[in-house]
Amino acid sequence: MKLQSDPHSGANTITGYGDGYVEINQVSYAHAVLLSSDGAISQWPAKAFDNLETSHFAQMVNLKPELILIGTGSRQRFPKPELLKPLIDAKIGFEIMDSQAACRTYNILVGEGRQVLLALIVEPT
């Protein structure tokens, strides 16, 4: 699915997504990503939901976002609470949703000027 973005905003936006990929600023990625509205796009070492580790969430704390959206793949799944401890201890708000909903929500929050971080699992096809 293609999404509309404002090319003049200067913020990283999701411009499309589908089975096995996410498109950020019109560049396709076939792996998990960490994406902030104003920072770098980086590969997130979380290959699949079942492989999530505490270190994957601790990595997000260092980026100091206002809010974190966690896209868990094709369906919404909740990580074990102990994995989320770094976010809770840092008092960083987070929302967990399926990856497509996370992409849409991310674009809305970026459009509002929020400092949001998207942690997105991209499931292989």
PDB file of N, CA and C in Angstrom:
ATOM      1  N   MET A   1       0.843  -1.167   0.000  1.00  0.00           N
ATOM      2  CA  MET A   1       0.000   0.000   0.000  1.00  0.00           C
ATOM      3  C   MET A   1       0.889   1.230   0.000  1.00  0.00           C
ATOM      4  N   LYS A   2       0.569   2.178  -0.839  1.00  0.00           N
ATOM      5  CA  LYS A   2       1.296   3.448  -0.903  1.00  0.00           C
ATOM      6  C   LYS A   2       0.640   4.444   0.048  1.00  0.00           C
ATOM      7  N   LEU A   3       1.451   5.252   0.681  1.00  0.00           N
ATOM      8  CA  LEU A   3       0.968   6.307   1.554  1.00  0.00           C
ATOM      9  C   LEU A   3       1.452   7.642   1.016  1.00  0.00           C
ATOM     10  N   GLN A   4       0.685   8.669   1.264  1.00  0.00           N
ATOM     11  CA  GLN A   4       1.076  10.015   0.858  1.00  0.00           C
ATOM     12  C   GLN A   4       1.940  10.623   1.943  1.00  0.00           C
ATOM     13  N   SER A   5       2.930  11.359   1.564  1.00  0.00           N
ATOM     14  CA  SER A   5       3.757  12.073   2.528  1.00  0.00           C
ATOM     15  C   SER A   5       3.984  13.479   2.023  1.00  0.00           C
ATOM     16  N   ASP A   6       4.435  14.318   2.922  1.00  0.00           N
ATOM     17  CA  ASP A   6       4.765  15.693   2.565  1.00  0.00           C
ATOM     18  C   ASP A   6       6.265  15.759   2.302  1.00  0.00           C
ATOM     19  N   PRO A   7       6.689  15.803   1.046  1.00  0.00           N
ATOM     20  CA  PRO A   7       8.115  15.785   0.742  1.00  0.00           C
ATOM     21  C   PRO A   7       8.860  17.016   1.237  1.00  0.00           C
ATOM     22  N   HIS A   8       8.143  18.052   1.632  1.00  0.00           N
ATOM     23  CA  HIS A   8       8.770  19.287   2.064  1.00  0.00           C
ATOM     24  C   HIS A   8       8.942  19.368   3.581  1.00  0.00           C
ATOM     25  N   SER A   9       8.429  18.368   4.309  1.00  0.00           N
ATOM     26  CA  SER A   9       8.484  18.438   5.767  1.00  0.00           C
ATOM     27  C   SER A   9       9.881  18.172   6.306  1.00  0.00           C
ATOM     28  N   GLY A  10      10.715  17.432   5.582  1.00  0.00           N
ATOM     29  CA  GLY A  10      12.048  17.101   6.046  1.00  0.00           C
ATOM     30  C   GLY A  10      12.086  15.937   7.019  1.00  0.00           C
ATOM     31  N   ALA A  11      10.941  15.434   7.427  1.00  0.00           N
ATOM     32  CA  ALA A  11      10.880  14.321   8.367  1.00  0.00           C
ATOM     33  C   ALA A  11      10.866  12.988   7.621  1.00  0.00           C
ATOM     34  N   ASN A  12      11.396  11.966   8.256  1.00  0.00           N
ATOM     35  CA  ASN A  12      11.280  10.617   7.700  1.00  0.00           C
ATOM     36  C   ASN A  12       9.829  10.186   7.748  1.00  0.00           C
ATOM     37  N   THR A  13       9.315   9.683   6.630  1.00  0.00           N
ATOM     38  CA  THR A  13       7.937   9.206   6.600  1.00  0.00           C
ATOM     39  C   THR A  13       7.863   7.848   5.914  1.00  0.00           C
ATOM     40  N   ILE A  14       6.814   7.127   6.272  1.00  0.00           N
ATOM     41  CA  ILE A  14       6.516   5.856   5.616  1.00  0.00           C
ATOM     42  C   ILE A  14       5.752   6.192   4.337  1.00  0.00           C
ATOM     43  N   THR A  15       6.281   5.755   3.209  1.00  0.00           N
ATOM     44  CA  THR A  15       5.628   6.051   1.928  1.00  0.00           C
ATOM     45  C   THR A  15       4.964   4.819   1.328  1.00  0.00           C
ATOM     46  N   GLY A  16       5.142   3.650   1.950  1.00  0.00           N
ATOM     47  CA  GLY A  16       4.469   2.438   1.498  1.00  0.00           C
ATOM     48  C   GLY A  16       4.836   1.261   2.377  1.00  0.00           C
ATOM     49  N   TYR A  17       4.022   0.224   2.338  1.00  0.00           N
ATOM     50  CA  TYR A  17       4.322  -0.999   3.069  1.00  0.00           C
ATOM     51  C   TYR A  17       3.526  -2.141   2.461  1.00  0.00           C
ATOM     52  N   GLY A  18       3.971  -3.343   2.739  1.00  0.00           N
ATOM     53  CA  GLY A  18       3.289  -4.531   2.252  1.00  0.00           C
ATOM     54  C   GLY A  18       3.986  -5.768   2.784  1.00  0.00           C
ATOM     55  N   ASP A  19       3.626  -6.908   2.263  1.00  0.00           N
ATOM     56  CA  ASP A  19       4.234  -8.157   2.709  1.00  0.00           C
ATOM     57  C   ASP A  19       5.727  -8.144   2.423  1.00  0.00           C
ATOM     58  N   GLY A  20       6.532  -8.218   3.462  1.00  0.00           N
ATOM     59  CA  GLY A  20       7.969  -8.336   3.302  1.00  0.00           C
ATOM     60  C   GLY A  20       8.734  -7.052   3.101  1.00  0.00           C
ATOM     61  N   TYR A  21       8.103  -5.886   3.188  1.00  0.00           N
ATOM     62  CA  TYR A  21       8.845  -4.629   3.008  1.00  0.00           C
ATOM     63  C   TYR A  21       8.136  -3.457   3.677  1.00  0.00           C
ATOM     64  N   VAL A  22       8.906  -2.427   3.918  1.00  0.00           N
ATOM     65  CA  VAL A  22       8.385  -1.124   4.298  1.00  0.00           C
ATOM     66  C   VAL A  22       9.147  -0.125   3.444  1.00  0.00           C
ATOM     67  N   GLU A  23       8.476   0.917   3.005  1.00  0.00           N
ATOM     68  CA  GLU A  23       9.102   1.943   2.179  1.00  0.00           C
ATOM     69  C   GLU A  23       9.172   3.226   2.992  1.00  0.00           C
ATOM     70  N   ILE A  24      10.399   3.732   3.177  1.00  0.00           N
ATOM     71  CA  ILE A  24      10.636   4.945   3.950  1.00  0.00           C
ATOM     72  C   ILE A  24      11.271   5.965   3.020  1.00  0.00           C
ATOM     73  N   ASN A  25      10.640   7.119   2.913  1.00  0.00           N
ATOM     74  CA  ASN A  25      11.135   8.166   2.010  1.00  0.00           C
ATOM     75  C   ASN A  25      11.357   7.604   0.600  1.00  0.00           C
ATOM     76  N   GLN A  26      10.476   6.732   0.182  1.00  0.00           N
ATOM     77  CA  GLN A  26      10.456   6.110  -1.144  1.00  0.00           C
ATOM     78  C   GLN A  26      11.620   5.146  -1.382  1.00  0.00           C
ATOM     79  N   VAL A  27      12.236   4.644  -0.294  1.00  0.00           N
ATOM     80  CA  VAL A  27      13.280   3.617  -0.374  1.00  0.00           C
ATOM     81  C   VAL A  27      12.758   2.387   0.352  1.00  0.00           C
ATOM     82  N   SER A  28      12.826   1.239  -0.297  1.00  0.00           N
ATOM     83  CA  SER A  28      12.279  -0.002   0.248  1.00  0.00           C
ATOM     84  C   SER A  28      13.281  -0.713   1.160  1.00  0.00           C
ATOM     85  N   TYR A  29      12.783  -1.236   2.287  1.00  0.00           N
ATOM     86  CA  TYR A  29      13.580  -2.008   3.246  1.00  0.00           C
ATOM     87  C   TYR A  29      12.874  -3.338   3.489  1.00  0.00           C
ATOM     88  N   ALA A  30      13.644  -4.418   3.484  1.00  0.00           N
ATOM     89  CA  ALA A  30      13.077  -5.756   3.688  1.00  0.00           C
ATOM     90  C   ALA A  30      13.548  -6.347   5.019  1.00  0.00           C
ATOM     91  N   HIS A  31      13.870  -5.497   5.988  1.00  0.00           N
ATOM     92  CA  HIS A  31      14.324  -5.951   7.298  1.00  0.00           C
ATOM     93  C   HIS A  31      13.725  -5.037   8.361  1.00  0.00           C
ATOM     94  N   ALA A  32      13.819  -5.463   9.603  1.00  0.00           N
ATOM     95  CA  ALA A  32      13.323  -4.651  10.714  1.00  0.00           C
ATOM     96  C   ALA A  32      14.083  -3.333  10.772  1.00  0.00           C
ATOM     97  N   VAL A  33      13.376  -2.259  11.093  1.00  0.00           N
ATOM     98  CA  VAL A  33      13.999  -0.936  11.135  1.00  0.00           C
ATOM     99  C   VAL A  33      13.634  -0.180  12.407  1.00  0.00           C
ATOM    100  N   LEU A  34      14.529   0.716  12.788  1.00  0.00           N
ATOM    101  CA  LEU A  34      14.254   1.755  13.771  1.00  0.00           C
ATOM    102  C   LEU A  34      14.251   3.058  13.000  1.00  0.00           C
ATOM    103  N   LEU A  35      13.205   3.817  13.183  1.00  0.00           N
ATOM    104  CA  LEU A  35      13.021   5.031  12.401  1.00  0.00           C
ATOM    105  C   LEU A  35      12.527   6.144  13.303  1.00  0.00           C
ATOM    106  N   SER A  36      13.275   7.243  13.338  1.00  0.00           N
ATOM    107  CA  SER A  36      12.801   8.403  14.085  1.00  0.00           C
ATOM    108  C   SER A  36      12.406   9.488  13.103  1.00  0.00           C
ATOM    109  N   SER A  37      11.569  10.373  13.567  1.00  0.00           N
ATOM    110  CA  SER A  37      11.048  11.402  12.678  1.00  0.00           C
ATOM    111  C   SER A  37      12.141  12.299  12.123  1.00  0.00           C
ATOM    112  N   ASP A  38      13.203  12.507  12.879  1.00  0.00           N
ATOM    113  CA  ASP A  38      14.237  13.432  12.430  1.00  0.00           C
ATOM    114  C   ASP A  38      15.643  12.845  12.450  1.00  0.00           C
ATOM    115  N   GLY A  39      15.756  11.552  12.666  1.00  0.00           N
ATOM    116  CA  GLY A  39      17.074  10.940  12.772  1.00  0.00           C
ATOM    117  C   GLY A  39      17.326   9.923  11.679  1.00  0.00           C
ATOM    118  N   ALA A  40      18.294   9.102  11.938  1.00  0.00           N
ATOM    119  CA  ALA A  40      18.696   8.093  10.966  1.00  0.00           C
ATOM    120  C   ALA A  40      17.697   6.943  10.891  1.00  0.00           C
ATOM    121  N   ILE A  41      17.740   6.276   9.783  1.00  0.00           N
ATOM    122  CA  ILE A  41      17.002   5.032   9.585  1.00  0.00           C
ATOM    123  C   ILE A  41      18.031   3.928   9.797  1.00  0.00           C
ATOM    124  N   SER A  42      17.781   3.061  10.762  1.00  0.00           N
ATOM    125  CA  SER A  42      18.766   2.020  11.030  1.00  0.00           C
ATOM    126  C   SER A  42      18.109   0.647  11.081  1.00  0.00           C
ATOM    127  N   GLN A  43      18.917  -0.347  10.790  1.00  0.00           N
ATOM    128  CA  GLN A  43      18.426  -1.719  10.874  1.00  0.00           C
ATOM    129  C   GLN A  43      18.268  -2.065  12.352  1.00  0.00           C
ATOM    130  N   TRP A  44      17.118  -2.620  12.698  1.00  0.00           N
ATOM    131  CA  TRP A  44      16.845  -3.058  14.060  1.00  0.00           C
ATOM    132  C   TRP A  44      17.178  -4.537  14.116  1.00  0.00           C
ATOM    133  N   PRO A  45      17.975  -4.986  15.061  1.00  0.00           N
ATOM    134  CA  PRO A  45      18.395  -6.391  15.063  1.00  0.00           C
ATOM    135  C   PRO A  45      17.288  -7.383  15.416  1.00  0.00           C
ATOM    136  N   ALA A  46      16.082  -6.921  15.657  1.00  0.00           N
ATOM    137  CA  ALA A  46      14.959  -7.815  15.947  1.00  0.00           C
ATOM    138  C   ALA A  46      14.485  -8.442  14.631  1.00  0.00           C
ATOM    139  N   LYS A  47      14.890  -9.657  14.374  1.00  0.00           N
ATOM    140  CA  LYS A  47      14.556 -10.313  13.101  1.00  0.00           C
ATOM    141  C   LYS A  47      13.106 -10.781  13.046  1.00  0.00           C
ATOM    142  N   ALA A  48      12.558 -11.160  14.212  1.00  0.00           N
ATOM    143  CA  ALA A  48      11.181 -11.659  14.286  1.00  0.00           C
ATOM    144  C   ALA A  48      10.660 -11.419  15.699  1.00  0.00           C
ATOM    145  N   PHE A  49       9.364 -11.406  15.840  1.00  0.00           N
ATOM    146  CA  PHE A  49       8.761 -11.162  17.149  1.00  0.00           C
ATOM    147  C   PHE A  49       9.260 -12.161  18.189  1.00  0.00           C
ATOM    148  N   ASP A  50       9.331 -13.425  17.829  1.00  0.00           N
ATOM    149  CA  ASP A  50       9.736 -14.468  18.774  1.00  0.00           C
ATOM    150  C   ASP A  50      11.199 -14.349  19.199  1.00  0.00           C
ATOM    151  N   ASN A  51      11.981 -13.527  18.526  1.00  0.00           N
ATOM    152  CA  ASN A  51      13.394 -13.348  18.850  1.00  0.00           C
ATOM    153  C   ASN A  51      13.672 -12.053  19.610  1.00  0.00           C
ATOM    154  N   LEU A  52      12.636 -11.336  20.043  1.00  0.00           N
ATOM    155  CA  LEU A  52      12.851 -10.075  20.754  1.00  0.00           C
ATOM    156  C   LEU A  52      13.603 -10.315  22.054  1.00  0.00           C
ATOM    157  N   GLU A  53      14.518  -9.395  22.365  1.00  0.00           N
ATOM    158  CA  GLU A  53      15.329  -9.452  23.580  1.00  0.00           C
ATOM    159  C   GLU A  53      15.299  -8.087  24.264  1.00  0.00           C
ATOM    160  N   THR A  54      15.631  -8.073  25.522  1.00  0.00           N
ATOM    161  CA  THR A  54      15.679  -6.817  26.277  1.00  0.00           C
ATOM    162  C   THR A  54      16.591  -5.802  25.601  1.00  0.00           C
ATOM    163  N   SER A  55      17.690  -6.268  25.035  1.00  0.00           N
ATOM    164  CA  SER A  55      18.636  -5.351  24.391  1.00  0.00           C
ATOM    165  C   SER A  55      18.006  -4.608  23.216  1.00  0.00           C
ATOM    166  N   HIS A  56      17.032  -5.204  22.552  1.00  0.00           N
ATOM    167  CA  HIS A  56      16.356  -4.529  21.439  1.00  0.00           C
ATOM    168  C   HIS A  56      15.612  -3.289  21.927  1.00  0.00           C
ATOM    169  N   PHE A  57      15.061  -3.374  23.130  1.00  0.00           N
ATOM    170  CA  PHE A  57      14.320  -2.240  23.688  1.00  0.00           C
ATOM    171  C   PHE A  57      15.259  -1.241  24.356  1.00  0.00           C
ATOM    172  N   ALA A  58      16.341  -1.732  24.954  1.00  0.00           N
ATOM    173  CA  ALA A  58      17.333  -0.843  25.560  1.00  0.00           C
ATOM    174  C   ALA A  58      17.948   0.067  24.501  1.00  0.00           C
ATOM    175  N   GLN A  59      18.123  -0.442  23.287  1.00  0.00           N
ATOM    176  CA  GLN A  59      18.659   0.346  22.173  1.00  0.00           C
ATOM    177  C   GLN A  59      17.792   1.576  21.907  1.00  0.00           C
ATOM    178  N   MET A  60      16.488   1.430  22.055  1.00  0.00           N
ATOM    179  CA  MET A  60      15.560   2.539  21.795  1.00  0.00           C
ATOM    180  C   MET A  60      15.695   3.660  22.817  1.00  0.00           C
ATOM    181  N   VAL A  61      15.962   3.298  24.080  1.00  0.00           N
ATOM    182  CA  VAL A  61      16.071   4.289  25.149  1.00  0.00           C
ATOM    183  C   VAL A  61      17.166   5.303  24.832  1.00  0.00           C
ATOM    184  N   ASN A  62      18.259   4.842  24.262  1.00  0.00           N
ATOM    185  CA  ASN A  62      19.384   5.727  23.945  1.00  0.00           C
ATOM    186  C   ASN A  62      19.017   6.809  22.939  1.00  0.00           C
ATOM    187  N   LEU A  63      17.952   6.605  22.163  1.00  0.00           N
ATOM    188  CA  LEU A  63      17.534   7.587  21.161  1.00  0.00           C
ATOM    189  C   LEU A  63      16.647   8.688  21.747  1.00  0.00           C
ATOM    190  N   LYS A  64      16.222   8.514  22.993  1.00  0.00           N
ATOM    191  CA  LYS A  64      15.459   9.509  23.752  1.00  0.00           C
ATOM    192  C   LYS A  64      14.198  10.027  23.031  1.00  0.00           C
ATOM    193  N   PRO A  65      13.343   9.125  22.571  1.00  0.00           N
ATOM    194  CA  PRO A  65      12.116   9.592  21.924  1.00  0.00           C
ATOM    195  C   PRO A  65      11.056  10.010  22.945  1.00  0.00           C
ATOM    196  N   GLU A  66      10.104  10.760  22.474  1.00  0.00           N
ATOM    197  CA  GLU A  66       8.944  11.140  23.280  1.00  0.00           C
ATOM    198  C   GLU A  66       8.000   9.944  23.418  1.00  0.00           C
ATOM    199  N   LEU A  67       7.886   9.175  22.348  1.00  0.00           N
ATOM    200  CA  LEU A  67       6.963   8.049  22.274  1.00  0.00           C
ATOM    201  C   LEU A  67       7.545   7.014  21.320  1.00  0.00           C
ATOM    202  N   ILE A  68       7.298   5.732  21.611  1.00  0.00           N
ATOM    203  CA  ILE A  68       7.759   4.656  20.740  1.00  0.00           C
ATOM    204  C   ILE A  68       6.557   3.866  20.243  1.00  0.00           C
ATOM    205  N   LEU A  69       6.507   3.647  18.951  1.00  0.00           N
ATOM    206  CA  LEU A  69       5.520   2.759  18.341  1.00  0.00           C
ATOM    207  C   LEU A  69       6.244   1.472  17.975  1.00  0.00           C
ATOM    208  N   ILE A  70       5.703   0.342  18.405  1.00  0.00           N
ATOM    209  CA  ILE A  70       6.322  -0.951  18.133  1.00  0.00           C
ATOM    210  C   ILE A  70       5.387  -1.727  17.221  1.00  0.00           C
ATOM    211  N   GLY A  71       5.834  -1.964  15.991  1.00  0.00           N
ATOM    212  CA  GLY A  71       5.069  -2.746  15.013  1.00  0.00           C
ATOM    213  C   GLY A  71       5.523  -4.186  15.070  1.00  0.00           C
ATOM    214  N   THR A  72       4.609  -5.097  15.407  1.00  0.00           N
ATOM    215  CA  THR A  72       4.976  -6.487  15.695  1.00  0.00           C
ATOM    216  C   THR A  72       4.741  -7.445  14.534  1.00  0.00           C
ATOM    217  N   GLY A  73       4.650  -6.937  13.328  1.00  0.00           N
ATOM    218  CA  GLY A  73       4.436  -7.804  12.174  1.00  0.00           C
ATOM    219  C   GLY A  73       2.992  -7.769  11.707  1.00  0.00           C
ATOM    220  N   SER A  74       2.544  -8.855  11.130  1.00  0.00           N
ATOM    221  CA  SER A  74       1.216  -8.882  10.500  1.00  0.00           C
ATOM    222  C   SER A  74       0.063  -8.869  11.502  1.00  0.00           C
ATOM    223  N   ARG A  75       0.365  -9.163  12.756  1.00  0.00           N
ATOM    224  CA  ARG A  75      -0.687  -9.083  13.776  1.00  0.00           C
ATOM    225  C   ARG A  75      -0.117  -8.486  15.060  1.00  0.00           C
ATOM    226  N   GLN A  76      -1.003  -7.931  15.851  1.00  0.00           N
ATOM    227  CA  GLN A  76      -0.597  -7.335  17.112  1.00  0.00           C
ATOM    228  C   GLN A  76      -0.265  -8.445  18.109  1.00  0.00           C
ATOM    229  N   ARG A  77       0.939  -8.373  18.650  1.00  0.00           N
ATOM    230  CA  ARG A  77       1.387  -9.319  19.667  1.00  0.00           C
ATOM    231  C   ARG A  77       2.106  -8.524  20.743  1.00  0.00           C
ATOM    232  N   PHE A  78       1.962  -8.954  21.972  1.00  0.00           N
ATOM    233  CA  PHE A  78       2.543  -8.205  23.081  1.00  0.00           C
ATOM    234  C   PHE A  78       3.788  -8.900  23.618  1.00  0.00           C
ATOM    235  N   PRO A  79       4.926  -8.186  23.640  1.00  0.00           N
ATOM    236  CA  PRO A  79       6.144  -8.758  24.205  1.00  0.00           C
ATOM    237  C   PRO A  79       5.970  -9.038  25.701  1.00  0.00           C
ATOM    238  N   LYS A  80       6.765  -9.948  26.222  1.00  0.00           N
ATOM    239  CA  LYS A  80       6.764 -10.221  27.655  1.00  0.00           C
ATOM    240  C   LYS A  80       7.119  -8.934  28.385  1.00  0.00           C
ATOM    241  N   PRO A  81       6.455  -8.651  29.512  1.00  0.00           N
ATOM    242  CA  PRO A  81       6.714  -7.392  30.243  1.00  0.00           C
ATOM    243  C   PRO A  81       8.176  -7.177  30.599  1.00  0.00           C
ATOM    244  N   GLU A  82       8.910  -8.246  30.915  1.00  0.00           N
ATOM    245  CA  GLU A  82      10.315  -8.052  31.293  1.00  0.00           C
ATOM    246  C   GLU A  82      11.157  -7.520  30.132  1.00  0.00           C
ATOM    247  N   LEU A  83      10.735  -7.769  28.888  1.00  0.00           N
ATOM    248  CA  LEU A  83      11.462  -7.230  27.738  1.00  0.00           C
ATOM    249  C   LEU A  83      11.297  -5.719  27.633  1.00  0.00           C
ATOM    250  N   LEU A  84      10.157  -5.229  28.092  1.00  0.00           N
ATOM    251  CA  LEU A  84       9.840  -3.802  27.991  1.00  0.00           C
ATOM    252  C   LEU A  84      10.392  -2.982  29.157  1.00  0.00           C
ATOM    253  N   LYS A  85      11.025  -3.642  30.118  1.00  0.00           N
ATOM    254  CA  LYS A  85      11.527  -2.976  31.314  1.00  0.00           C
ATOM    255  C   LYS A  85      12.397  -1.751  31.020  1.00  0.00           C
ATOM    256  N   PRO A  86      13.298  -1.789  30.026  1.00  0.00           N
ATOM    257  CA  PRO A  86      14.094  -0.583  29.749  1.00  0.00           C
ATOM    258  C   PRO A  86      13.226   0.638  29.408  1.00  0.00           C
ATOM    259  N   LEU A  87      12.129   0.441  28.690  1.00  0.00           N
ATOM    260  CA  LEU A  87      11.246   1.558  28.331  1.00  0.00           C
ATOM    261  C   LEU A  87      10.484   2.056  29.551  1.00  0.00           C
ATOM    262  N   ILE A  88      10.024   1.110  30.361  1.00  0.00           N
ATOM    263  CA  ILE A  88       9.274   1.471  31.572  1.00  0.00           C
ATOM    264  C   ILE A  88      10.180   2.221  32.542  1.00  0.00           C
ATOM    265  N   ASP A  89      11.397   1.700  32.755  1.00  0.00           N
ATOM    266  CA  ASP A  89      12.339   2.355  33.671  1.00  0.00           C
ATOM    267  C   ASP A  89      12.707   3.758  33.195  1.00  0.00           C
ATOM    268  N   ALA A  90      12.788   3.964  31.884  1.00  0.00           N
ATOM    269  CA  ALA A  90      13.129   5.277  31.323  1.00  0.00           C
ATOM    270  C   ALA A  90      11.914   6.206  31.226  1.00  0.00           C
ATOM    271  N   LYS A  91      10.747   5.677  31.597  1.00  0.00           N
ATOM    272  CA  LYS A  91       9.493   6.458  31.555  1.00  0.00           C
ATOM    273  C   LYS A  91       9.188   6.974  30.144  1.00  0.00           C
ATOM    274  N   ILE A  92       9.424   6.114  29.165  1.00  0.00           N
ATOM    275  CA  ILE A  92       9.116   6.439  27.775  1.00  0.00           C
ATOM    276  C   ILE A  92       7.825   5.718  27.406  1.00  0.00           C
ATOM    277  N   GLY A  93       6.861   6.468  26.925  1.00  0.00           N
ATOM    278  CA  GLY A  93       5.591   5.877  26.514  1.00  0.00           C
ATOM    279  C   GLY A  93       5.766   5.029  25.267  1.00  0.00           C
ATOM    280  N   PHE A  94       4.983   3.965  25.170  1.00  0.00           N
ATOM    281  CA  PHE A  94       5.051   3.108  23.990  1.00  0.00           C
ATOM    282  C   PHE A  94       3.671   2.536  23.686  1.00  0.00           C
ATOM    283  N   GLU A  95       3.471   2.239  22.426  1.00  0.00           N
ATOM    284  CA  GLU A  95       2.252   1.592  21.938  1.00  0.00           C
ATOM    285  C   GLU A  95       2.671   0.402  21.098  1.00  0.00           C
ATOM    286  N   ILE A  96       1.940  -0.677  21.224  1.00  0.00           N
ATOM    287  CA  ILE A  96       2.236  -1.889  20.474  1.00  0.00           C
ATOM    288  C   ILE A  96       1.060  -2.171  19.555  1.00  0.00           C
ATOM    289  N   MET A  97       1.356  -2.399  18.277  1.00  0.00           N
ATOM    290  CA  MET A  97       0.304  -2.643  17.293  1.00  0.00           C
ATOM    291  C   MET A  97       0.875  -3.448  16.134  1.00  0.00           C
ATOM    292  N   ASP A  98       0.006  -3.896  15.235  1.00  0.00           N
ATOM    293  CA  ASP A  98       0.537  -4.574  14.055  1.00  0.00           C
ATOM    294  C   ASP A  98       1.324  -3.548  13.230  1.00  0.00           C
ATOM    295  N   SER A  99       2.209  -4.048  12.389  1.00  0.00           N
ATOM    296  CA  SER A  99       3.134  -3.153  11.679  1.00  0.00           C
ATOM    297  C   SER A  99       2.436  -2.162  10.755  1.00  0.00           C
ATOM    298  N   GLN A 100       1.360  -2.574  10.086  1.00  0.00           N
ATOM    299  CA  GLN A 100       0.667  -1.639   9.197  1.00  0.00           C
ATOM    300  C   GLN A 100       0.032  -0.499   9.990  1.00  0.00           C
ATOM    301  N   ALA A 101      -0.592  -0.807  11.128  1.00  0.00           N
ATOM    302  CA  ALA A 101      -1.173   0.242  11.969  1.00  0.00           C
ATOM    303  C   ALA A 101      -0.080   1.147  12.521  1.00  0.00           C
ATOM    304  N   ALA A 102       1.062   0.562  12.877  1.00  0.00           N
ATOM    305  CA  ALA A 102       2.180   1.352  13.392  1.00  0.00           C
ATOM    306  C   ALA A 102       2.685   2.342  12.332  1.00  0.00           C
ATOM    307  N   CYS A 103       2.740   1.911  11.070  1.00  0.00           N
ATOM    308  CA  CYS A 103       3.170   2.793   9.982  1.00  0.00           C
ATOM    309  C   CYS A 103       2.221   3.976   9.823  1.00  0.00           C
ATOM    310  N   ARG A 104       0.934   3.694   9.812  1.00  0.00           N
ATOM    311  CA  ARG A 104      -0.056   4.778   9.660  1.00  0.00           C
ATOM    312  C   ARG A 104       0.004   5.745  10.833  1.00  0.00           C
ATOM    313  N   THR A 105       0.071   5.209  12.048  1.00  0.00           N
ATOM    314  CA  THR A 105       0.102   6.038  13.250  1.00  0.00           C
ATOM    315  C   THR A 105       1.373   6.876  13.295  1.00  0.00           C
ATOM    316  N   TYR A 106       2.491   6.286  12.924  1.00  0.00           N
ATOM    317  CA  TYR A 106       3.758   7.010  12.870  1.00  0.00           C
ATOM    318  C   TYR A 106       3.626   8.252  11.983  1.00  0.00           C
ATOM    319  N   ASN A 107       3.081   8.081  10.771  1.00  0.00           N
ATOM    320  CA  ASN A 107       2.947   9.225   9.855  1.00  0.00           C
ATOM    321  C   ASN A 107       2.058  10.311  10.436  1.00  0.00           C
ATOM    322  N   ILE A 108       1.004   9.927  11.114  1.00  0.00           N
ATOM    323  CA  ILE A 108       0.113  10.917  11.732  1.00  0.00           C
ATOM    324  C   ILE A 108       0.863  11.705  12.797  1.00  0.00           C
ATOM    325  N   LEU A 109       1.584  10.999  13.667  1.00  0.00           N
ATOM    326  CA  LEU A 109       2.311  11.668  14.745  1.00  0.00           C
ATOM    327  C   LEU A 109       3.436  12.554  14.212  1.00  0.00           C
ATOM    328  N   VAL A 110       4.122  12.094  13.172  1.00  0.00           N
ATOM    329  CA  VAL A 110       5.167  12.920  12.544  1.00  0.00           C
ATOM    330  C   VAL A 110       4.539  14.187  11.966  1.00  0.00           C
ATOM    331  N   GLY A 111       3.367  14.052  11.359  1.00  0.00           N
ATOM    332  CA  GLY A 111       2.662  15.209  10.806  1.00  0.00           C
ATOM    333  C   GLY A 111       2.284  16.222  11.869  1.00  0.00           C
ATOM    334  N   GLU A 112       2.137  15.750  13.113  1.00  0.00           N
ATOM    335  CA  GLU A 112       1.835  16.639  14.239  1.00  0.00           C
ATOM    336  C   GLU A 112       3.094  17.219  14.870  1.00  0.00           C
ATOM    337  N   GLY A 113       4.263  16.846  14.333  1.00  0.00           N
ATOM    338  CA  GLY A 113       5.520  17.367  14.864  1.00  0.00           C
ATOM    339  C   GLY A 113       6.026  16.644  16.100  1.00  0.00           C
ATOM    340  N   ARG A 114       5.521  15.454  16.375  1.00  0.00           N
ATOM    341  CA  ARG A 114       5.926  14.694  17.566  1.00  0.00           C
ATOM    342  C   ARG A 114       7.289  14.031  17.356  1.00  0.00           C
ATOM    343  N   GLN A 115       8.040  13.869  18.434  1.00  0.00           N
ATOM    344  CA  GLN A 115       9.321  13.155  18.430  1.00  0.00           C
ATOM    345  C   GLN A 115       9.015  11.678  18.669  1.00  0.00           C
ATOM    346  N   VAL A 116       8.747  10.969  17.614  1.00  0.00           N
ATOM    347  CA  VAL A 116       8.318   9.577  17.711  1.00  0.00           C
ATOM    348  C   VAL A 116       9.373   8.663  17.102  1.00  0.00           C
ATOM    349  N   LEU A 117       9.486   7.477  17.680  1.00  0.00           N
ATOM    350  CA  LEU A 117      10.382   6.450  17.181  1.00  0.00           C
ATOM    351  C   LEU A 117       9.533   5.252  16.786  1.00  0.00           C
ATOM    352  N   LEU A 118       9.782   4.722  15.599  1.00  0.00           N
ATOM    353  CA  LEU A 118       9.087   3.535  15.122  1.00  0.00           C
ATOM    354  C   LEU A 118      10.053   2.372  15.132  1.00  0.00           C
ATOM    355  N   ALA A 119       9.705   1.324  15.858  1.00  0.00           N
ATOM    356  CA  ALA A 119      10.457   0.069  15.863  1.00  0.00           C
ATOM    357  C   ALA A 119       9.578  -0.926  15.129  1.00  0.00           C
ATOM    358  N   LEU A 120      10.007  -1.325  13.952  1.00  0.00           N
ATOM    359  CA  LEU A 120       9.127  -2.071  13.047  1.00  0.00           C
ATOM    360  C   LEU A 120       9.720  -3.409  12.645  1.00  0.00           C
ATOM    361  N   ILE A 121       8.980  -4.470  12.920  1.00  0.00           N
ATOM    362  CA  ILE A 121       9.359  -5.795  12.447  1.00  0.00           C
ATOM    363  C   ILE A 121       8.770  -5.976  11.064  1.00  0.00           C
ATOM    364  N   VAL A 122       9.605  -6.310  10.105  1.00  0.00           N
ATOM    365  CA  VAL A 122       9.181  -6.584   8.737  1.00  0.00           C
ATOM    366  C   VAL A 122       9.320  -8.075   8.531  1.00  0.00           C
ATOM    367  N   GLU A 123       8.193  -8.753   8.413  1.00  0.00           N
ATOM    368  CA  GLU A 123       8.215 -10.202   8.265  1.00  0.00           C
ATOM    369  C   GLU A 123       8.544 -10.582   6.825  1.00  0.00           C
ATOM    370  N   PRO A 124       9.405 -11.574   6.647  1.00  0.00           N
ATOM    371  CA  PRO A 124       9.730 -12.002   5.288  1.00  0.00           C
ATOM    372  C   PRO A 124       8.512 -12.645   4.617  1.00  0.00           C
ATOM    373  N   THR A 125       8.468 -12.586   3.310  1.00  0.00           N
ATOM    374  CA  THR A 125       7.348 -13.182   2.587  1.00  0.00           C
ATOM    375  C   THR A 125       7.618 -14.640   2.293  1.00  0.00           C
TER     376      THR A 125
END
